[in-house]
């Protein structure tokens, strides 16, 4: 029996187009959260009014809507939502996804093992018009397993909307480091350094892909966008390397991935497709998949 209390924390900003299906999917969970914290970053559309009316319509007395003072940005908004949560387990929620009805039930059961600090579920992707998009990535891995430190470096990082964390991970994670990188990246690494992370191969969320996703990487062309993505990953890993009390083995893992990411970026900038394809075994050995190889190579065409 899992006796942990459960929070869902959501950060909203101008999300009127997709937010109602996500609110419905949380309200219709087979196991209801003890609280839902929704932090709005001063939306200029009707997001606030839609959520406020939704809470009143269904009498959701344990759902709490908070309006920020000023604009916090995506990470700051999530930090505000997390800091207002009080439960044992905290689920992160985007404003535009859709959860399967059994998501909270299946993921909360991972925490029966007291050494588990984080649970991650596989996801599927939704297009902006609601169609399921088949993308082969680490996020769609269908095997249950424990996530290694190396896997966190390769994925860099899993999406926060796919995860739940113990309260102590939320409370002890460095807010300043979150602002330098991202809130979910810091939470994943903190969880990995303090216990186990469980990955569930059953897709429990549909993650919507559209032009306003905060995780989108900007750039003028394909090479610049790919280079910017790799730069962001290098930056994340370097910040962890510099700021945490890692073991020598963990530092070596960080450095290995920094070096390989820099190599990937260099080959892409030089449009060296042959060298990228020749290093396929190196990609796979480090936990990347064929889609990563194809993406790097196709960027150069």
Foldseek 3Di string as FASTA:
>chain_A
DQPWAEEEEEEDAQLVVAQVQAVVQQVLAPDHHQAYEYEYQPHPDCPVVVVVVVCVVVVVVRYDYHYDDHGLPDQRRRLVRLVPDDTFKYAYAYRHKHFANHLCVVQSVVCVPVQQFKEFEAAWEAEPVGDTDDDDFPSLAQDKDWQALLNCLLPLHDDSNRMMGGSVLSVPFDSVLCVQANDSSRSVVSRNVRGIYIYHNDHGMYHYDDDPPPPQFDDDALLRSLLRVLVSSLSSLVSCLPPDPDDPVSNVSSVVSNVVSVVLNVCLVVLPLVVLVVCQVVCVVSPGDVVVSCSSNVSSD
